[in-house]
Amino acid sequence: MSQDLMNYDSMTQLALRGVIRDAIRRVIRENGLPGAHHFYITFLTRFPGVDIDEGLVTKYPEEVTIVLEHQYWDLKAHDDSFEVTLKFGGVPKYLSIPYIAITRFHDPSVGFAMQFDPPEEMEDILAPAPNSPPTLAQLQTESAPKLKSVKSNEEQAAPKSAKKTPAKKPTATGKVKVQKERAKKNDAKKDDANKVVSLDAFRKK
């Protein structure tokens, strides 16, 4: 299969984002959302051209989902972006969002949803930095102690001289020496006994 030099995938996603533009324009034209329709719109907060409150960027550094349903003001749909004012924590905040920054559009009233790939402009921004801090799983793996190298506090505090050394088992040579010493003692006892008997025999005479 030859290379897609027409870039149909990007063209398709751009065309589908046009559906969002047309849906917002209809809401403006009819002065409100028809029936039970309402929109959940997820967009990249750091995409070039996104104009939102800095506090929202700090709170949502990657993406945020807004809802167009009951309370919204000054809704406008341009060719490449739309504007709206919404309340966050009871405080009205202005937003200007390019359609290309949108990653998901959902109308739950009819179960309609569209998912978009992040634009190529955001690949470097969304990708983790080479020297980014390790994840929790990496930290747990790297910091897990190896049982073979771990010593208890008592072992670490005890001096070398206090360590117990295993008792040596008696060797065959040691056993022979013990037996010889016992034999010598027995012979000495016999000699003493013989001497006493001999003395008594001499006295009887």
N, C-alpha and C. Protein backbone atom coordinates (compact mmCIF):
# COMPACT_ATOMS: atom_id res chain seq x y z
N MET A 1 0.85 -1.19 0.00
CA MET A 1 0.00 0.00 0.00
C MET A 1 0.89 1.25 0.00
N SER A 2 0.57 2.20 -0.85
CA SER A 2 1.37 3.41 -0.98
C SER A 2 1.13 4.36 0.19
N GLN A 3 2.04 5.31 0.39
CA GLN A 3 1.95 6.27 1.48
C GLN A 3 0.80 7.25 1.26
N ASP A 4 0.10 7.58 2.34
CA ASP A 4 -1.04 8.50 2.26
C ASP A 4 -0.52 9.94 2.26
N LEU A 5 -0.22 10.46 1.11
CA LEU A 5 0.27 11.83 0.99
C LEU A 5 -0.86 12.85 1.12
N MET A 6 -2.10 12.38 1.02
CA MET A 6 -3.25 13.28 1.17
C MET A 6 -3.58 13.53 2.65
N ASN A 7 -3.05 12.65 3.52
CA ASN A 7 -3.30 12.77 4.96
C ASN A 7 -4.81 12.78 5.26
N TYR A 8 -5.46 11.71 4.80
CA TYR A 8 -6.91 11.62 4.94
C TYR A 8 -7.35 11.56 6.41
N ASP A 9 -6.52 10.97 7.25
CA ASP A 9 -6.91 10.86 8.65
C ASP A 9 -7.07 12.24 9.29
N SER A 10 -6.11 13.12 9.06
CA SER A 10 -6.20 14.47 9.60
C SER A 10 -7.37 15.23 9.00
N MET A 11 -7.58 15.01 7.71
CA MET A 11 -8.71 15.68 7.05
C MET A 11 -10.03 15.22 7.64
N THR A 12 -10.12 13.92 7.94
CA THR A 12 -11.36 13.38 8.52
C THR A 12 -11.61 13.95 9.91
N GLN A 13 -10.54 14.00 10.73
CA GLN A 13 -10.71 14.54 12.08
C GLN A 13 -11.07 16.02 12.04
N LEU A 14 -10.48 16.75 11.11
CA LEU A 14 -10.81 18.16 10.97
C LEU A 14 -12.27 18.34 10.55
N ALA A 15 -12.72 17.48 9.65
CA ALA A 15 -14.12 17.56 9.20
C ALA A 15 -15.08 17.22 10.34
N LEU A 16 -14.72 16.23 11.16
CA LEU A 16 -15.58 15.86 12.28
C LEU A 16 -15.62 16.95 13.34
N ARG A 17 -14.52 17.68 13.50
CA ARG A 17 -14.55 18.81 14.42
C ARG A 17 -15.51 19.90 13.92
N GLY A 18 -15.71 19.90 12.60
CA GLY A 18 -16.71 20.82 12.04
C GLY A 18 -18.11 20.52 12.53
N VAL A 19 -18.37 19.26 12.90
CA VAL A 19 -19.67 18.89 13.46
C VAL A 19 -19.89 19.64 14.78
N ILE A 20 -18.83 19.77 15.58
CA ILE A 20 -18.94 20.50 16.85
C ILE A 20 -19.27 21.96 16.58
N ARG A 21 -18.58 22.54 15.60
CA ARG A 21 -18.83 23.95 15.24
C ARG A 21 -20.28 24.15 14.81
N ASP A 22 -20.77 23.21 13.97
CA ASP A 22 -22.14 23.35 13.48
C ASP A 22 -23.15 23.15 14.62
N ALA A 23 -22.86 22.24 15.57
CA ALA A 23 -23.76 22.02 16.69
C ALA A 23 -23.84 23.28 17.57
N ILE A 24 -22.69 23.93 17.82
CA ILE A 24 -22.70 25.14 18.63
C ILE A 24 -23.42 26.27 17.90
N ARG A 25 -23.21 26.36 16.60
CA ARG A 25 -23.89 27.40 15.83
C ARG A 25 -25.41 27.21 15.86
N ARG A 26 -25.87 25.97 15.88
CA ARG A 26 -27.32 25.74 15.95
C ARG A 26 -27.86 26.18 17.30
N VAL A 27 -27.08 25.91 18.38
CA VAL A 27 -27.51 26.35 19.71
C VAL A 27 -27.64 27.87 19.74
N ILE A 28 -26.68 28.56 19.10
CA ILE A 28 -26.73 30.03 19.07
C ILE A 28 -27.93 30.49 18.25
N ARG A 29 -28.14 29.82 17.13
CA ARG A 29 -29.21 30.22 16.22
C ARG A 29 -30.58 30.01 16.87
N GLU A 30 -30.75 28.95 17.65
CA GLU A 30 -32.04 28.65 18.27
C GLU A 30 -32.15 29.24 19.68
N ASN A 31 -31.12 30.00 20.06
CA ASN A 31 -31.12 30.66 21.36
C ASN A 31 -31.24 29.67 22.52
N GLY A 32 -30.53 28.55 22.40
CA GLY A 32 -30.52 27.57 23.48
C GLY A 32 -30.45 26.15 22.94
N LEU A 33 -30.13 25.25 23.81
CA LEU A 33 -30.03 23.84 23.43
C LEU A 33 -31.43 23.26 23.23
N PRO A 34 -31.65 22.58 22.11
CA PRO A 34 -32.98 22.02 21.86
C PRO A 34 -33.22 20.75 22.69
N GLY A 35 -34.45 20.62 23.23
CA GLY A 35 -34.82 19.41 23.96
C GLY A 35 -33.90 19.14 25.14
N ALA A 36 -33.47 17.89 25.25
CA ALA A 36 -32.60 17.47 26.37
C ALA A 36 -31.12 17.48 25.99
N HIS A 37 -30.82 18.00 24.82
CA HIS A 37 -29.43 18.01 24.37
C HIS A 37 -28.55 18.86 25.29
N HIS A 38 -27.35 18.39 25.56
CA HIS A 38 -26.31 19.16 26.25
C HIS A 38 -24.96 18.56 25.89
N PHE A 39 -23.93 19.39 25.94
CA PHE A 39 -22.63 19.00 25.42
C PHE A 39 -21.57 18.91 26.53
N TYR A 40 -20.79 17.83 26.47
CA TYR A 40 -19.57 17.71 27.26
C TYR A 40 -18.41 17.86 26.28
N ILE A 41 -17.60 18.88 26.48
CA ILE A 41 -16.50 19.16 25.56
C ILE A 41 -15.18 19.11 26.34
N THR A 42 -14.31 18.19 25.94
CA THR A 42 -12.99 18.06 26.57
C THR A 42 -11.95 18.64 25.62
N PHE A 43 -11.07 19.49 26.17
CA PHE A 43 -10.05 20.11 25.32
C PHE A 43 -8.72 20.22 26.08
N LEU A 44 -7.66 20.40 25.32
CA LEU A 44 -6.31 20.53 25.87
C LEU A 44 -6.11 21.96 26.37
N THR A 45 -5.79 22.11 27.64
CA THR A 45 -5.70 23.44 28.22
C THR A 45 -4.44 24.20 27.78
N ARG A 46 -3.40 23.48 27.34
CA ARG A 46 -2.15 24.14 26.95
C ARG A 46 -1.95 24.21 25.43
N PHE A 47 -3.01 23.91 24.69
CA PHE A 47 -2.87 23.96 23.24
C PHE A 47 -2.72 25.42 22.79
N PRO A 48 -1.82 25.68 21.81
CA PRO A 48 -1.66 27.05 21.31
C PRO A 48 -2.98 27.62 20.81
N GLY A 49 -3.31 28.81 21.28
CA GLY A 49 -4.56 29.46 20.89
C GLY A 49 -5.64 29.35 21.93
N VAL A 50 -5.50 28.42 22.90
CA VAL A 50 -6.49 28.31 23.98
C VAL A 50 -6.32 29.50 24.91
N ASP A 51 -7.42 30.20 25.17
CA ASP A 51 -7.39 31.37 26.06
C ASP A 51 -8.35 31.11 27.22
N ILE A 52 -7.79 30.73 28.36
CA ILE A 52 -8.60 30.47 29.55
C ILE A 52 -7.88 31.06 30.76
N ASP A 53 -8.58 31.08 31.88
CA ASP A 53 -8.02 31.61 33.11
C ASP A 53 -6.79 30.80 33.53
N GLU A 54 -5.75 31.51 33.99
CA GLU A 54 -4.50 30.85 34.38
C GLU A 54 -4.72 29.86 35.52
N GLY A 55 -5.68 30.18 36.39
CA GLY A 55 -5.98 29.26 37.50
C GLY A 55 -6.49 27.92 37.01
N LEU A 56 -7.23 27.91 35.91
CA LEU A 56 -7.72 26.66 35.33
C LEU A 56 -6.58 25.85 34.73
N VAL A 57 -5.62 26.55 34.12
CA VAL A 57 -4.47 25.85 33.55
C VAL A 57 -3.65 25.19 34.65
N THR A 58 -3.51 25.90 35.78
CA THR A 58 -2.76 25.34 36.90
C THR A 58 -3.49 24.13 37.49
N LYS A 59 -4.80 24.23 37.60
CA LYS A 59 -5.59 23.14 38.17
C LYS A 59 -5.73 21.97 37.21
N TYR A 60 -5.82 22.27 35.92
CA TYR A 60 -5.95 21.23 34.89
C TYR A 60 -4.82 21.42 33.87
N PRO A 61 -3.62 20.94 34.17
CA PRO A 61 -2.47 21.21 33.30
C PRO A 61 -2.50 20.49 31.95
N GLU A 62 -3.35 19.49 31.80
CA GLU A 62 -3.38 18.76 30.53
C GLU A 62 -4.68 19.00 29.77
N GLU A 63 -5.81 18.62 30.36
CA GLU A 63 -7.09 18.83 29.70
C GLU A 63 -8.19 19.00 30.72
N VAL A 64 -9.31 19.57 30.27
CA VAL A 64 -10.45 19.82 31.15
C VAL A 64 -11.73 19.60 30.34
N THR A 65 -12.80 19.22 31.02
CA THR A 65 -14.09 19.01 30.38
C THR A 65 -15.07 20.08 30.85
N ILE A 66 -15.68 20.77 29.92
CA ILE A 66 -16.69 21.77 30.24
C ILE A 66 -18.05 21.25 29.80
N VAL A 67 -19.12 21.80 30.38
CA VAL A 67 -20.48 21.37 30.08
C VAL A 67 -21.29 22.56 29.60
N LEU A 68 -21.89 22.43 28.44
CA LEU A 68 -22.83 23.43 27.94
C LEU A 68 -24.23 22.88 28.12
N GLU A 69 -24.93 23.41 29.13
CA GLU A 69 -26.28 22.91 29.39
C GLU A 69 -27.19 24.04 29.83
N HIS A 70 -27.17 24.38 31.11
CA HIS A 70 -28.11 25.38 31.62
C HIS A 70 -27.50 26.77 31.75
N GLN A 71 -26.32 26.86 32.38
CA GLN A 71 -25.72 28.15 32.66
C GLN A 71 -24.47 28.38 31.82
N TYR A 72 -24.61 29.20 30.83
CA TYR A 72 -23.48 29.64 29.99
C TYR A 72 -23.88 30.97 29.37
N TRP A 73 -22.87 31.77 29.04
CA TRP A 73 -23.12 33.10 28.53
C TRP A 73 -22.18 33.40 27.37
N ASP A 74 -22.64 34.32 26.51
CA ASP A 74 -21.82 34.87 25.41
C ASP A 74 -21.22 33.76 24.54
N LEU A 75 -22.03 32.79 24.17
CA LEU A 75 -21.57 31.70 23.31
C LEU A 75 -21.43 32.21 21.87
N LYS A 76 -20.24 31.99 21.30
CA LYS A 76 -19.97 32.41 19.93
C LYS A 76 -19.21 31.30 19.21
N ALA A 77 -19.54 31.08 17.95
CA ALA A 77 -18.88 30.03 17.16
C ALA A 77 -18.23 30.66 15.94
N HIS A 78 -16.89 30.67 15.93
CA HIS A 78 -16.14 31.17 14.78
C HIS A 78 -15.75 30.00 13.89
N ASP A 79 -15.05 30.29 12.81
CA ASP A 79 -14.67 29.22 11.90
C ASP A 79 -13.68 28.25 12.53
N ASP A 80 -12.74 28.76 13.33
CA ASP A 80 -11.69 27.92 13.90
C ASP A 80 -11.78 27.74 15.41
N SER A 81 -12.65 28.47 16.07
CA SER A 81 -12.74 28.39 17.52
C SER A 81 -14.12 28.84 17.99
N PHE A 82 -14.38 28.61 19.29
CA PHE A 82 -15.63 29.13 19.87
C PHE A 82 -15.31 29.79 21.20
N GLU A 83 -16.20 30.67 21.64
CA GLU A 83 -16.06 31.39 22.89
C GLU A 83 -17.27 31.13 23.78
N VAL A 84 -17.05 31.15 25.08
CA VAL A 84 -18.14 30.97 26.02
C VAL A 84 -17.68 31.42 27.40
N THR A 85 -18.62 31.82 28.22
CA THR A 85 -18.34 32.16 29.61
C THR A 85 -19.09 31.18 30.50
N LEU A 86 -18.34 30.53 31.38
CA LEU A 86 -18.91 29.54 32.30
C LEU A 86 -18.50 29.88 33.72
N LYS A 87 -19.25 29.34 34.68
CA LYS A 87 -18.91 29.54 36.09
C LYS A 87 -18.07 28.37 36.60
N PHE A 88 -16.98 28.71 37.29
CA PHE A 88 -16.13 27.73 37.96
C PHE A 88 -16.06 28.13 39.43
N GLY A 89 -16.64 27.29 40.29
CA GLY A 89 -16.69 27.63 41.71
C GLY A 89 -17.51 28.88 41.97
N GLY A 90 -18.52 29.09 41.12
CA GLY A 90 -19.39 30.25 41.29
C GLY A 90 -18.84 31.52 40.67
N VAL A 91 -17.65 31.45 40.07
CA VAL A 91 -17.02 32.63 39.48
C VAL A 91 -17.04 32.52 37.96
N PRO A 92 -17.63 33.49 37.22
CA PRO A 92 -17.65 33.43 35.76
C PRO A 92 -16.24 33.56 35.19
N LYS A 93 -15.93 32.72 34.20
CA LYS A 93 -14.62 32.75 33.56
C LYS A 93 -14.80 32.63 32.05
N TYR A 94 -14.05 33.45 31.34
CA TYR A 94 -14.11 33.46 29.88
C TYR A 94 -13.19 32.39 29.31
N LEU A 95 -13.67 31.71 28.23
CA LEU A 95 -12.88 30.70 27.55
C LEU A 95 -12.97 30.90 26.04
N SER A 96 -11.83 30.76 25.37
CA SER A 96 -11.78 30.75 23.92
C SER A 96 -11.01 29.50 23.51
N ILE A 97 -11.66 28.62 22.74
CA ILE A 97 -11.10 27.29 22.49
C ILE A 97 -11.10 26.98 20.99
N PRO A 98 -9.93 26.74 20.41
CA PRO A 98 -9.89 26.28 19.02
C PRO A 98 -10.50 24.88 18.91
N TYR A 99 -11.19 24.61 17.82
CA TYR A 99 -11.80 23.28 17.65
C TYR A 99 -10.74 22.19 17.61
N ILE A 100 -9.57 22.52 17.08
CA ILE A 100 -8.53 21.51 16.97
C ILE A 100 -7.98 21.12 18.34
N ALA A 101 -8.22 21.93 19.36
CA ALA A 101 -7.77 21.59 20.72
C ALA A 101 -8.70 20.60 21.41
N ILE A 102 -9.86 20.35 20.81
CA ILE A 102 -10.85 19.44 21.40
C ILE A 102 -10.43 17.99 21.20
N THR A 103 -10.48 17.20 22.27
CA THR A 103 -10.14 15.77 22.19
C THR A 103 -11.38 14.87 22.31
N ARG A 104 -12.49 15.42 22.83
CA ARG A 104 -13.70 14.60 22.97
C ARG A 104 -14.93 15.50 22.99
N PHE A 105 -15.97 15.05 22.26
CA PHE A 105 -17.27 15.72 22.27
C PHE A 105 -18.34 14.67 22.56
N HIS A 106 -19.21 14.96 23.53
CA HIS A 106 -20.18 13.96 23.97
C HIS A 106 -21.52 14.63 24.24
N ASP A 107 -22.56 14.10 23.62
CA ASP A 107 -23.94 14.52 23.91
C ASP A 107 -24.65 13.32 24.53
N PRO A 108 -24.65 13.21 25.88
CA PRO A 108 -25.20 12.01 26.53
C PRO A 108 -26.70 11.83 26.35
N SER A 109 -27.42 12.87 25.95
CA SER A 109 -28.87 12.74 25.80
C SER A 109 -29.24 11.78 24.67
N VAL A 110 -28.36 11.65 23.68
CA VAL A 110 -28.63 10.73 22.56
C VAL A 110 -27.50 9.71 22.41
N GLY A 111 -26.55 9.70 23.34
CA GLY A 111 -25.45 8.74 23.28
C GLY A 111 -24.49 8.97 22.14
N PHE A 112 -24.34 10.24 21.74
CA PHE A 112 -23.43 10.55 20.63
C PHE A 112 -22.09 11.03 21.20
N ALA A 113 -21.00 10.50 20.65
CA ALA A 113 -19.67 10.89 21.14
C ALA A 113 -18.65 10.79 20.02
N MET A 114 -17.68 11.68 20.06
CA MET A 114 -16.56 11.65 19.10
C MET A 114 -15.26 11.81 19.89
N GLN A 115 -14.30 10.97 19.56
CA GLN A 115 -12.99 11.00 20.21
C GLN A 115 -11.95 11.38 19.16
N PHE A 116 -11.07 12.31 19.51
CA PHE A 116 -10.05 12.79 18.57
C PHE A 116 -8.66 12.52 19.12
N ASP A 117 -7.73 12.25 18.21
CA ASP A 117 -6.33 12.11 18.60
C ASP A 117 -5.77 13.49 18.94
N PRO A 118 -4.83 13.55 19.90
CA PRO A 118 -4.19 14.84 20.18
C PRO A 118 -3.50 15.37 18.93
N PRO A 119 -3.61 16.65 18.66
CA PRO A 119 -2.95 17.22 17.47
C PRO A 119 -1.44 17.01 17.52
N GLU A 120 -0.81 16.98 16.34
CA GLU A 120 0.63 16.78 16.27
C GLU A 120 1.39 17.88 17.02
N GLU A 121 0.80 19.06 17.10
CA GLU A 121 1.47 20.17 17.80
C GLU A 121 1.65 19.88 19.28
N MET A 122 0.83 18.94 19.84
CA MET A 122 0.85 18.68 21.28
C MET A 122 1.63 17.43 21.63
N GLU A 123 2.17 16.71 20.66
CA GLU A 123 2.86 15.46 20.95
C GLU A 123 4.07 15.68 21.86
N ASP A 124 4.85 16.72 21.56
CA ASP A 124 6.04 16.99 22.38
C ASP A 124 5.65 17.52 23.75
N ILE A 125 4.54 18.26 23.83
CA ILE A 125 4.11 18.84 25.10
C ILE A 125 3.52 17.78 26.02
N LEU A 126 2.73 16.86 25.45
CA LEU A 126 2.08 15.84 26.25
C LEU A 126 3.00 14.69 26.58
N ALA A 127 4.05 14.47 25.79
CA ALA A 127 4.97 13.37 26.06
C ALA A 127 5.78 13.68 27.30
N PRO A 128 6.05 12.67 28.17
CA PRO A 128 6.84 12.91 29.37
C PRO A 128 8.27 13.32 29.02
N ALA A 129 8.82 14.24 29.78
CA ALA A 129 10.18 14.72 29.54
C ALA A 129 11.18 13.61 29.81
N PRO A 130 12.34 13.62 29.09
CA PRO A 130 13.35 12.56 29.30
C PRO A 130 13.82 12.47 30.74
N ASN A 131 13.94 13.62 31.42
CA ASN A 131 14.42 13.63 32.80
C ASN A 131 13.27 13.84 33.78
N SER A 132 12.08 13.42 33.40
CA SER A 132 10.94 13.60 34.29
C SER A 132 11.08 12.71 35.51
N PRO A 133 10.47 13.13 36.65
CA PRO A 133 10.59 12.33 37.87
C PRO A 133 10.02 10.93 37.66
N PRO A 134 10.58 9.92 38.31
CA PRO A 134 10.08 8.56 38.14
C PRO A 134 8.69 8.41 38.71
N THR A 135 7.95 7.45 38.17
CA THR A 135 6.61 7.19 38.66
C THR A 135 6.66 6.45 39.98
N LEU A 136 5.48 6.34 40.64
CA LEU A 136 5.42 5.65 41.93
C LEU A 136 5.83 4.20 41.78
N ALA A 137 5.41 3.56 40.67
CA ALA A 137 5.77 2.16 40.47
C ALA A 137 7.28 2.00 40.35
N GLN A 138 7.94 2.96 39.64
CA GLN A 138 9.39 2.89 39.51
C GLN A 138 10.07 3.10 40.84
N LEU A 139 9.54 4.06 41.63
CA LEU A 139 10.13 4.32 42.94
C LEU A 139 10.02 3.10 43.83
N GLN A 140 8.86 2.44 43.80
CA GLN A 140 8.67 1.25 44.63
C GLN A 140 9.62 0.14 44.21
N THR A 141 9.83 0.02 42.89
CA THR A 141 10.71 -1.04 42.40
C THR A 141 12.16 -0.75 42.74
N GLU A 142 12.57 0.53 42.55
CA GLU A 142 13.96 0.87 42.79
C GLU A 142 14.31 0.88 44.26
N SER A 143 13.34 1.27 45.13
CA SER A 143 13.64 1.38 46.56
C SER A 143 13.37 0.11 47.33
N ALA A 144 12.84 -0.92 46.68
CA ALA A 144 12.56 -2.17 47.39
C ALA A 144 13.86 -2.80 47.84
N PRO A 145 14.05 -3.06 49.15
CA PRO A 145 15.33 -3.61 49.64
C PRO A 145 15.50 -5.06 49.23
N LYS A 146 16.73 -5.43 48.99
CA LYS A 146 17.05 -6.82 48.71
C LYS A 146 17.26 -7.54 50.03
N LEU A 147 16.52 -8.59 50.24
CA LEU A 147 16.53 -9.26 51.53
C LEU A 147 17.89 -9.80 51.89
N LYS A 148 18.68 -10.20 50.90
CA LYS A 148 19.99 -10.80 51.19
C LYS A 148 20.95 -9.79 51.79
N SER A 149 20.81 -8.53 51.42
CA SER A 149 21.76 -7.53 51.87
C SER A 149 21.29 -6.76 53.10
N VAL A 150 20.08 -7.04 53.57
CA VAL A 150 19.53 -6.31 54.70
C VAL A 150 19.97 -6.95 56.00
N LYS A 151 20.43 -6.13 56.96
CA LYS A 151 20.81 -6.61 58.29
C LYS A 151 19.93 -5.93 59.32
N SER A 152 19.61 -6.65 60.35
CA SER A 152 18.80 -6.07 61.42
C SER A 152 19.63 -5.06 62.19
N ASN A 153 18.92 -4.22 62.96
CA ASN A 153 19.61 -3.21 63.77
C ASN A 153 20.53 -3.85 64.80
N GLU A 154 20.10 -4.99 65.36
CA GLU A 154 20.92 -5.67 66.36
C GLU A 154 22.21 -6.19 65.76
N GLU A 155 22.11 -6.71 64.54
CA GLU A 155 23.30 -7.23 63.87
C GLU A 155 24.26 -6.10 63.52
N GLN A 156 23.69 -4.95 63.11
CA GLN A 156 24.53 -3.83 62.74
C GLN A 156 25.21 -3.23 63.97
N ALA A 157 24.49 -3.20 65.12
CA ALA A 157 25.04 -2.58 66.33
C ALA A 157 26.02 -3.49 67.06
N ALA A 158 25.88 -4.80 66.92
CA ALA A 158 26.72 -5.73 67.68
C ALA A 158 28.15 -5.70 67.17
N PRO A 159 29.16 -5.62 68.09
CA PRO A 159 30.57 -5.65 67.64
C PRO A 159 30.93 -7.00 67.08
N LYS A 160 32.01 -7.02 66.33
CA LYS A 160 32.43 -8.26 65.70
C LYS A 160 32.76 -9.33 66.72
N SER A 161 33.33 -8.90 67.87
CA SER A 161 33.73 -9.88 68.88
C SER A 161 32.54 -10.53 69.56
N ALA A 162 31.35 -9.84 69.49
CA ALA A 162 30.18 -10.39 70.17
C ALA A 162 29.47 -11.42 69.33
N LYS A 163 29.85 -11.54 68.08
CA LYS A 163 29.18 -12.51 67.23
C LYS A 163 29.55 -13.93 67.65
N LYS A 164 28.55 -14.76 67.67
CA LYS A 164 28.75 -16.15 68.07
C LYS A 164 29.38 -16.93 66.93
N THR A 165 30.33 -17.75 67.29
CA THR A 165 30.97 -18.62 66.28
C THR A 165 30.49 -20.03 66.52
N PRO A 166 30.18 -20.74 65.49
CA PRO A 166 29.67 -22.10 65.67
C PRO A 166 30.71 -23.01 66.30
N ALA A 167 30.25 -23.87 67.22
CA ALA A 167 31.16 -24.80 67.92
C ALA A 167 31.70 -25.82 66.94
N LYS A 168 32.99 -26.11 67.08
CA LYS A 168 33.63 -27.07 66.20
C LYS A 168 33.31 -28.48 66.66
N LYS A 169 32.99 -29.32 65.72
CA LYS A 169 32.71 -30.71 66.03
C LYS A 169 34.03 -31.46 66.28
N PRO A 170 34.04 -32.33 67.26
CA PRO A 170 35.28 -33.07 67.54
C PRO A 170 35.66 -33.96 66.37
N THR A 171 36.94 -33.92 66.07
CA THR A 171 37.43 -34.72 64.95
C THR A 171 37.79 -36.12 65.43
N ALA A 172 38.09 -36.99 64.49
CA ALA A 172 38.46 -38.37 64.84
C ALA A 172 39.75 -38.39 65.65
N THR A 173 40.69 -37.49 65.32
CA THR A 173 41.96 -37.41 66.07
C THR A 173 41.71 -37.03 67.51
N GLY A 174 40.76 -36.09 67.69
CA GLY A 174 40.43 -35.68 69.05
C GLY A 174 39.86 -36.82 69.86
N LYS A 175 39.03 -37.61 69.24
CA LYS A 175 38.44 -38.76 69.94
C LYS A 175 39.52 -39.75 70.35
N VAL A 176 40.49 -40.00 69.49
CA VAL A 176 41.57 -40.95 69.80
C VAL A 176 42.37 -40.46 71.00
N LYS A 177 42.66 -39.15 71.02
CA LYS A 177 43.42 -38.58 72.14
C LYS A 177 42.67 -38.75 73.45
N VAL A 178 41.35 -38.50 73.40
CA VAL A 178 40.53 -38.65 74.62
C VAL A 178 40.56 -40.09 75.09
N GLN A 179 40.43 -41.01 74.16
CA GLN A 179 40.44 -42.43 74.53
C GLN A 179 41.79 -42.83 75.13
N LYS A 180 42.89 -42.33 74.58
CA LYS A 180 44.21 -42.65 75.12
C LYS A 180 44.38 -42.12 76.53
N GLU A 181 43.88 -40.88 76.75
CA GLU A 181 44.00 -40.30 78.09
C GLU A 181 43.18 -41.11 79.10
N ARG A 182 42.01 -41.53 78.68
CA ARG A 182 41.17 -42.34 79.59
C ARG A 182 41.87 -43.67 79.88
N ALA A 183 42.50 -44.25 78.85
CA ALA A 183 43.20 -45.55 79.06
C ALA A 183 44.35 -45.39 80.03
N LYS A 184 45.08 -44.27 79.93
CA LYS A 184 46.19 -44.01 80.86
C LYS A 184 45.69 -43.90 82.28
N LYS A 185 44.54 -43.18 82.45
CA LYS A 185 43.99 -43.03 83.80
C LYS A 185 43.58 -44.39 84.37
N ASN A 186 42.96 -45.20 83.53
CA ASN A 186 42.53 -46.53 83.99
C ASN A 186 43.75 -47.38 84.36
N ASP A 187 44.82 -47.29 83.56
CA ASP A 187 46.03 -48.06 83.89
C ASP A 187 46.65 -47.60 85.21
N ALA A 188 46.59 -46.27 85.43
CA ALA A 188 47.15 -45.75 86.69
C ALA A 188 46.37 -46.25 87.87
N LYS A 189 45.01 -46.29 87.70
CA LYS A 189 44.17 -46.81 88.79
C LYS A 189 44.49 -48.27 89.05
N LYS A 190 44.69 -49.02 87.98
CA LYS A 190 45.00 -50.45 88.15
C LYS A 190 46.34 -50.62 88.87
N ASP A 191 47.30 -49.77 88.47
CA ASP A 191 48.60 -49.85 89.13
C ASP A 191 48.49 -49.55 90.62
N ASP A 192 47.69 -48.52 90.95
CA ASP A 192 47.50 -48.19 92.36
C ASP A 192 46.84 -49.35 93.10
N ALA A 193 45.83 -49.93 92.43
CA ALA A 193 45.14 -51.07 93.07
C ALA A 193 46.08 -52.24 93.29
N ASN A 194 46.93 -52.50 92.27
CA ASN A 194 47.89 -53.61 92.40
C ASN A 194 48.87 -53.36 93.55
N LYS A 195 49.28 -52.08 93.64
CA LYS A 195 50.22 -51.76 94.72
C LYS A 195 49.61 -52.01 96.11
N VAL A 196 48.36 -51.62 96.27
CA VAL A 196 47.69 -51.83 97.57
C VAL A 196 47.58 -53.31 97.89
N VAL A 197 47.17 -54.10 96.91
CA VAL A 197 47.01 -55.55 97.13
C VAL A 197 48.34 -56.18 97.51
N SER A 198 49.33 -55.77 96.81
CA SER A 198 50.65 -56.33 97.07
C SER A 198 51.12 -55.98 98.48
N LEU A 199 50.80 -54.79 98.96
CA LEU A 199 51.21 -54.37 100.29
C LEU A 199 50.48 -55.16 101.35
N ASP A 200 49.17 -55.38 101.13
CA ASP A 200 48.40 -56.18 102.10
C ASP A 200 48.93 -57.60 102.14
N ALA A 201 49.24 -58.12 101.06
CA ALA A 201 49.76 -59.49 101.00
C ALA A 201 51.07 -59.56 101.74
N PHE A 202 51.87 -58.54 101.64
CA PHE A 202 53.15 -58.54 102.33
C PHE A 202 52.97 -58.44 103.83
N ARG A 203 51.95 -57.65 104.27
CA ARG A 203 51.71 -57.50 105.70
C ARG A 203 51.19 -58.78 106.31
N LYS A 204 50.35 -59.54 105.57
CA LYS A 204 49.80 -60.79 106.13
C LYS A 204 50.90 -61.76 106.40
N LYS A 205 51.91 -61.67 105.56
CA LYS A 205 53.03 -62.59 105.78
C LYS A 205 53.73 -62.18 107.05
